[in-house]
C-alpha atoms as a PDB file:
ATOM      1  CA  UNK A   1     -22.097  18.787  -7.871  1.00  0.00           C
ATOM      2  CA  UNK A   2     -20.021  16.428 -10.456  1.00  0.00           C
ATOM      3  CA  UNK A   3     -18.226  18.677 -13.103  1.00  0.00           C
ATOM      4  CA  UNK A   4     -18.967  16.720 -16.621  1.00  0.00           C
ATOM      5  CA  UNK A   5     -17.657  19.025 -19.007  1.00  0.00           C
ATOM      6  CA  UNK A   6     -17.335  23.123 -19.550  1.00  0.00           C
ATOM      7  CA  UNK A   7     -18.964  25.493 -22.057  1.00  0.00           C
ATOM      8  CA  UNK A   8     -16.368  26.382 -24.819  1.00  0.00           C
ATOM      9  CA  UNK A   9     -18.163  28.835 -26.877  1.00  0.00           C
ATOM     10  CA  UNK A  10     -21.408  30.018 -28.068  1.00  0.00           C
ATOM     11  CA  UNK A  11     -23.060  28.234 -31.617  1.00  0.00           C
ATOM     12  CA  UNK A  12     -24.892  30.487 -33.802  1.00  0.00           C
ATOM     13  CA  UNK A  13     -27.377  33.444 -32.847  1.00  0.00           C
ATOM     14  CA  UNK A  14     -30.020  31.315 -30.918  1.00  0.00           C
ATOM     15  CA  UNK A  15     -28.392  30.917 -27.798  1.00  0.00           C
ATOM     16  CA  UNK A  16     -27.090  27.275 -28.499  1.00  0.00           C
ATOM     17  CA  UNK A  17     -23.816  26.449 -26.764  1.00  0.00           C
ATOM     18  CA  UNK A  18     -20.806  24.335 -27.730  1.00  0.00           C
ATOM     19  CA  UNK A  19     -19.920  22.027 -24.628  1.00  0.00           C
ATOM     20  CA  UNK A  20     -16.607  19.924 -24.302  1.00  0.00           C
ATOM     21  CA  UNK A  21     -17.714  16.915 -22.157  1.00  0.00           C
ATOM     22  CA  UNK A  22     -15.433  15.289 -19.722  1.00  0.00           C
ATOM     23  CA  UNK A  23     -17.628  11.728 -19.740  1.00  0.00           C
ATOM     24  CA  UNK A  24     -16.671   8.087 -20.814  1.00  0.00           C
ATOM     25  CA  UNK A  25     -18.890   8.518 -23.617  1.00  0.00           C
ATOM     26  CA  UNK A  26     -19.231  11.512 -25.639  1.00  0.00           C
ATOM     27  CA  UNK A  27     -23.333  12.141 -25.124  1.00  0.00           C
ATOM     28  CA  UNK A  28     -23.364  10.676 -21.517  1.00  0.00           C
ATOM     29  CA  UNK A  29     -24.510  14.069 -20.509  1.00  0.00           C
ATOM     30  CA  UNK A  30     -27.751  13.240 -22.484  1.00  0.00           C
ATOM     31  CA  UNK A  31     -29.233  11.072 -19.613  1.00  0.00           C
ATOM     32  CA  UNK A  32     -29.711  14.382 -17.568  1.00  0.00           C
ATOM     33  CA  UNK A  33     -32.842  16.560 -18.314  1.00  0.00           C
ATOM     34  CA  UNK A  34     -31.091  19.656 -16.217  1.00  0.00           C
ATOM     35  CA  UNK A  35     -27.601  20.900 -16.169  1.00  0.00           C
ATOM     36  CA  UNK A  36     -26.079  23.334 -13.693  1.00  0.00           C
ATOM     37  CA  UNK A  37     -23.824  25.632 -15.063  1.00  0.00           C
ATOM     38  CA  UNK A  38     -21.348  27.834 -13.072  1.00  0.00           C
ATOM     39  CA  UNK A  39     -17.908  28.044 -11.035  1.00  0.00           C
ATOM     40  CA  UNK A  40     -16.850  27.717  -7.078  1.00  0.00           C
ATOM     41  CA  UNK A  41     -20.236  28.164  -5.243  1.00  0.00           C
ATOM     42  CA  UNK A  42     -22.166  30.186  -7.956  1.00  0.00           C
ATOM     43  CA  UNK A  43     -24.327  27.561  -9.973  1.00  0.00           C
ATOM     44  CA  UNK A  44     -27.855  27.741 -11.800  1.00  0.00           C
ATOM     45  CA  UNK A  45     -29.806  25.206 -13.232  1.00  0.00           C
ATOM     46  CA  UNK A  46     -31.002  24.933 -16.618  1.00  0.00           C
ATOM     47  CA  UNK A  47     -33.279  22.587 -18.297  1.00  0.00           C
ATOM     48  CA  UNK A  48     -32.163  21.110 -21.619  1.00  0.00           C
ATOM     49  CA  UNK A  49     -34.034  22.170 -24.704  1.00  0.00           C
ATOM     50  CA  UNK A  50     -32.606  20.187 -27.376  1.00  0.00           C
ATOM     51  CA  UNK A  51     -28.833  18.630 -27.732  1.00  0.00           C
ATOM     52  CA  UNK A  52     -26.546  16.495 -30.389  1.00  0.00           C
ATOM     53  CA  UNK A  53     -23.411  15.328 -30.783  1.00  0.00           C
ATOM     54  CA  UNK A  54     -21.112  17.818 -32.986  1.00  0.00           C
ATOM     55  CA  UNK A  55     -18.006  15.887 -33.606  1.00  0.00           C
ATOM     56  CA  UNK A  56     -16.035  15.932 -30.730  1.00  0.00           C
ATOM     57  CA  UNK A  57     -18.646  17.878 -28.761  1.00  0.00           C
ATOM     58  CA  UNK A  58     -21.976  18.409 -28.010  1.00  0.00           C
ATOM     59  CA  UNK A  59     -24.239  21.320 -29.120  1.00  0.00           C
ATOM     60  CA  UNK A  60     -26.792  22.309 -26.327  1.00  0.00           C
ATOM     61  CA  UNK A  61     -29.894  24.816 -26.228  1.00  0.00           C
ATOM     62  CA  UNK A  62     -30.959  25.448 -22.414  1.00  0.00           C
ATOM     63  CA  UNK A  63     -34.121  26.996 -21.406  1.00  0.00           C
ATOM     64  CA  UNK A  64     -33.101  30.626 -20.729  1.00  0.00           C
ATOM     65  CA  UNK A  65     -30.284  30.610 -22.699  1.00  0.00           C
ATOM     66  CA  UNK A  66     -31.906  32.542 -25.787  1.00  0.00           C
ATOM     67  CA  UNK A  67     -29.530  34.608 -27.626  1.00  0.00           C
ATOM     68  CA  UNK A  68     -25.682  34.862 -28.474  1.00  0.00           C
ATOM     69  CA  UNK A  69     -25.013  37.575 -26.001  1.00  0.00           C
ATOM     70  CA  UNK A  70     -26.420  35.038 -23.173  1.00  0.00           C
ATOM     71  CA  UNK A  71     -24.477  32.268 -24.585  1.00  0.00           C
ATOM     72  CA  UNK A  72     -21.232  33.905 -24.941  1.00  0.00           C
ATOM     73  CA  UNK A  73     -21.841  34.913 -21.254  1.00  0.00           C
ATOM     74  CA  UNK A  74     -22.198  31.292 -20.065  1.00  0.00           C
ATOM     75  CA  UNK A  75     -18.491  30.664 -21.758  1.00  0.00           C
ATOM     76  CA  UNK A  76     -15.983  28.771 -19.479  1.00  0.00           C
ATOM     77  CA  UNK A  77     -18.635  28.014 -17.112  1.00  0.00           C
ATOM     78  CA  UNK A  78     -18.401  24.289 -15.823  1.00  0.00           C
ATOM     79  CA  UNK A  79     -21.370  21.964 -16.633  1.00  0.00           C
ATOM     80  CA  UNK A  80     -22.528  19.714 -13.566  1.00  0.00           C
ATOM     81  CA  UNK A  81     -25.142  17.298 -12.308  1.00  0.00           C
ATOM     82  CA  UNK A  82     -25.830  16.558  -8.771  1.00  0.00           C
ATOM     83  CA  UNK A  83     -23.885  13.838  -7.275  1.00  0.00           C
ATOM     84  CA  UNK A  84     -27.325  12.077  -6.059  1.00  0.00           C
ATOM     85  CA  UNK A  85     -28.467  11.547  -9.544  1.00  0.00           C
ATOM     86  CA  UNK A  86     -25.157   9.643 -11.014  1.00  0.00           C
ATOM     87  CA  UNK A  87     -25.193   5.897 -11.028  1.00  0.00           C
ATOM     88  CA  UNK A  88     -22.766   4.016  -8.313  1.00  0.00           C
ATOM     89  CA  UNK A  89     -19.187   3.566  -9.636  1.00  0.00           C
ATOM     90  CA  UNK A  90     -18.569  -0.081 -10.642  1.00  0.00           C
ATOM     91  CA  UNK A  91     -15.735  -1.749  -8.271  1.00  0.00           C
ATOM     92  CA  UNK A  92     -12.348  -0.318  -9.121  1.00  0.00           C
ATOM     93  CA  UNK A  93     -14.064   2.737 -11.421  1.00  0.00           C
ATOM     94  CA  UNK A  94     -13.949   6.204 -10.074  1.00  0.00           C
ATOM     95  CA  UNK A  95     -15.500   9.395 -10.848  1.00  0.00           C
ATOM     96  CA  UNK A  96     -12.708  11.715 -11.619  1.00  0.00           C
ATOM     97  CA  UNK A  97     -14.142  14.581  -9.271  1.00  0.00           C
ATOM     98  CA  UNK A  98     -13.931  11.811  -6.703  1.00  0.00           C
ATOM     99  CA  UNK A  99      -9.973  11.537  -7.422  1.00  0.00           C
ATOM    100  CA  UNK A 100      -9.365  15.370  -7.126  1.00  0.00           C
ATOM    101  CA  UNK A 101      -8.133  16.202  -3.759  1.00  0.00           C
ATOM    102  CA  UNK A 102      -6.867  12.885  -2.859  1.00  0.00           C
ATOM    103  CA  UNK A 103      -3.444  12.691  -0.693  1.00  0.00           C
ATOM    104  CA  UNK A 104      -0.930  10.699  -2.967  1.00  0.00           C
ATOM    105  CA  UNK A 105       2.100   9.065  -1.538  1.00  0.00           C
ATOM    106  CA  UNK A 106       4.341   6.158  -3.455  1.00  0.00           C
ATOM    107  CA  UNK A 107       5.084   2.759  -2.351  1.00  0.00           C
ATOM    108  CA  UNK A 108       8.091   3.988  -0.446  1.00  0.00           C
ATOM    109  CA  UNK A 109       6.114   6.609   1.269  1.00  0.00           C
ATOM    110  CA  UNK A 110       7.133   9.603  -0.323  1.00  0.00           C
ATOM    111  CA  UNK A 111       4.589  12.264  -0.176  1.00  0.00           C
ATOM    112  CA  UNK A 112       3.623  13.175  -3.843  1.00  0.00           C
ATOM    113  CA  UNK A 113       0.969  15.781  -3.099  1.00  0.00           C
ATOM    114  CA  UNK A 114      -2.456  16.094  -4.046  1.00  0.00           C
ATOM    115  CA  UNK A 115      -4.546  14.974  -7.310  1.00  0.00           C
ATOM    116  CA  UNK A 116      -5.354  18.413  -9.114  1.00  0.00           C
ATOM    117  CA  UNK A 117      -6.606  17.036 -12.471  1.00  0.00           C
ATOM    118  CA  UNK A 118      -7.553  14.108 -14.539  1.00  0.00           C
ATOM    119  CA  UNK A 119      -7.496  13.771 -18.227  1.00  0.00           C
ATOM    120  CA  UNK A 120      -7.689  11.003 -20.919  1.00  0.00           C
ATOM    121  CA  UNK A 121      -4.845  10.336 -23.389  1.00  0.00           C
ATOM    122  CA  UNK A 122      -6.652   8.031 -25.371  1.00  0.00           C
ATOM    123  CA  UNK A 123      -4.344   5.191 -24.326  1.00  0.00           C
ATOM    124  CA  UNK A 124      -5.455   5.784 -20.556  1.00  0.00           C
ATOM    125  CA  UNK A 125      -6.285   8.745 -18.063  1.00  0.00           C
ATOM    126  CA  UNK A 126      -3.553  10.587 -16.048  1.00  0.00           C
ATOM    127  CA  UNK A 127      -3.984  11.933 -12.660  1.00  0.00           C
ATOM    128  CA  UNK A 128      -2.032  15.506 -12.386  1.00  0.00           C
ATOM    129  CA  UNK A 129      -0.638  15.489  -8.735  1.00  0.00           C
ATOM    130  CA  UNK A 130       0.941  18.740  -7.390  1.00  0.00           C
ATOM    131  CA  UNK A 131       3.218  18.943  -4.167  1.00  0.00           C
ATOM    132  CA  UNK A 132       3.359  21.933  -1.846  1.00  0.00           C
ATOM    133  CA  UNK A 133       6.204  23.319  -3.706  1.00  0.00           C
ATOM    134  CA  UNK A 134       4.318  23.415  -6.961  1.00  0.00           C
ATOM    135  CA  UNK A 135       5.695  20.527  -8.731  1.00  0.00           C
ATOM    136  CA  UNK A 136       3.593  18.598 -10.955  1.00  0.00           C
ATOM    137  CA  UNK A 137       3.581  15.189 -11.587  1.00  0.00           C
ATOM    138  CA  UNK A 138       1.733  13.018 -14.210  1.00  0.00           C
ATOM    139  CA  UNK A 139       0.814   9.095 -13.108  1.00  0.00           C
ATOM    140  CA  UNK A 140      -1.024   6.894 -15.661  1.00  0.00           C
ATOM    141  CA  UNK A 141      -3.991   5.750 -13.993  1.00  0.00           C
ATOM    142  CA  UNK A 142      -3.618   2.233 -14.666  1.00  0.00           C
ATOM    143  CA  UNK A 143      -3.429  -0.806 -12.192  1.00  0.00           C
ATOM    144  CA  UNK A 144       0.227  -1.173 -12.505  1.00  0.00           C
ATOM    145  CA  UNK A 145       0.865   2.720 -11.601  1.00  0.00           C
ATOM    146  CA  UNK A 146      -2.134   2.936  -9.172  1.00  0.00           C
ATOM    147  CA  UNK A 147      -2.497  -0.038  -7.163  1.00  0.00           C
ATOM    148  CA  UNK A 148      -4.760   1.486  -4.202  1.00  0.00           C
ATOM    149  CA  UNK A 149      -7.254   4.002  -4.216  1.00  0.00           C
ATOM    150  CA  UNK A 150      -9.409   4.716  -0.742  1.00  0.00           C
ATOM    151  CA  UNK A 151     -11.787   7.485  -1.345  1.00  0.00           C
ATOM    152  CA  UNK A 152     -12.994   6.890   2.051  1.00  0.00           C
ATOM    153  CA  UNK A 153      -9.331   7.839   3.678  1.00  0.00           C
ATOM    154  CA  UNK A 154      -8.748  10.156   0.837  1.00  0.00           C
ATOM    155  CA  UNK A 155      -5.286   8.719  -0.314  1.00  0.00           C
ATOM    156  CA  UNK A 156      -3.773   6.982  -3.263  1.00  0.00           C
ATOM    157  CA  UNK A 157      -0.897   4.780  -3.436  1.00  0.00           C
ATOM    158  CA  UNK A 158       1.256   5.343  -6.620  1.00  0.00           C
ATOM    159  CA  UNK A 159       4.221   2.728  -7.853  1.00  0.00           C
ATOM    160  CA  UNK A 160       5.847   5.748  -9.395  1.00  0.00           C
ATOM    161  CA  UNK A 161       9.439   7.001  -9.397  1.00  0.00           C
ATOM    162  CA  UNK A 162       9.363  10.422  -6.920  1.00  0.00           C
ATOM    163  CA  UNK A 163      12.138  11.637  -9.918  1.00  0.00           C
ATOM    164  CA  UNK A 164       9.424  11.416 -12.680  1.00  0.00           C
END
């Protein structure tokens, strides 16, 4: 599963959900007829009945979620699609979910820890790297700051000062 957003709130009284997408374009989730809602190892498949863009969020009606109580129960769940349904990433592009868990070190071979999150700032994406002591570093995901990503090896090389 590839997490592509999360349910932030119910919308109205007929089971509509407000979704915060984590996709490159706000309506990318509309490419998929079935969405999976859940967390960890508990996922349930839903058919998309209707969906529309609402500002910076999505409003969606899923078959089987028919009232506000059912919609409220979905709040906080992640929205995913199976990995095999996604198109191949272009050369030098990565799905955020592929970056989570990569081991990060800098050019001086200082171990920074593991990528635990990725988020968008508007200017560029940022990877959140956390070490064993719990220290977090925010590294811009740019060609200058991240000269190498090796998904197969599970590593990321950064040109970043360990004191930042």
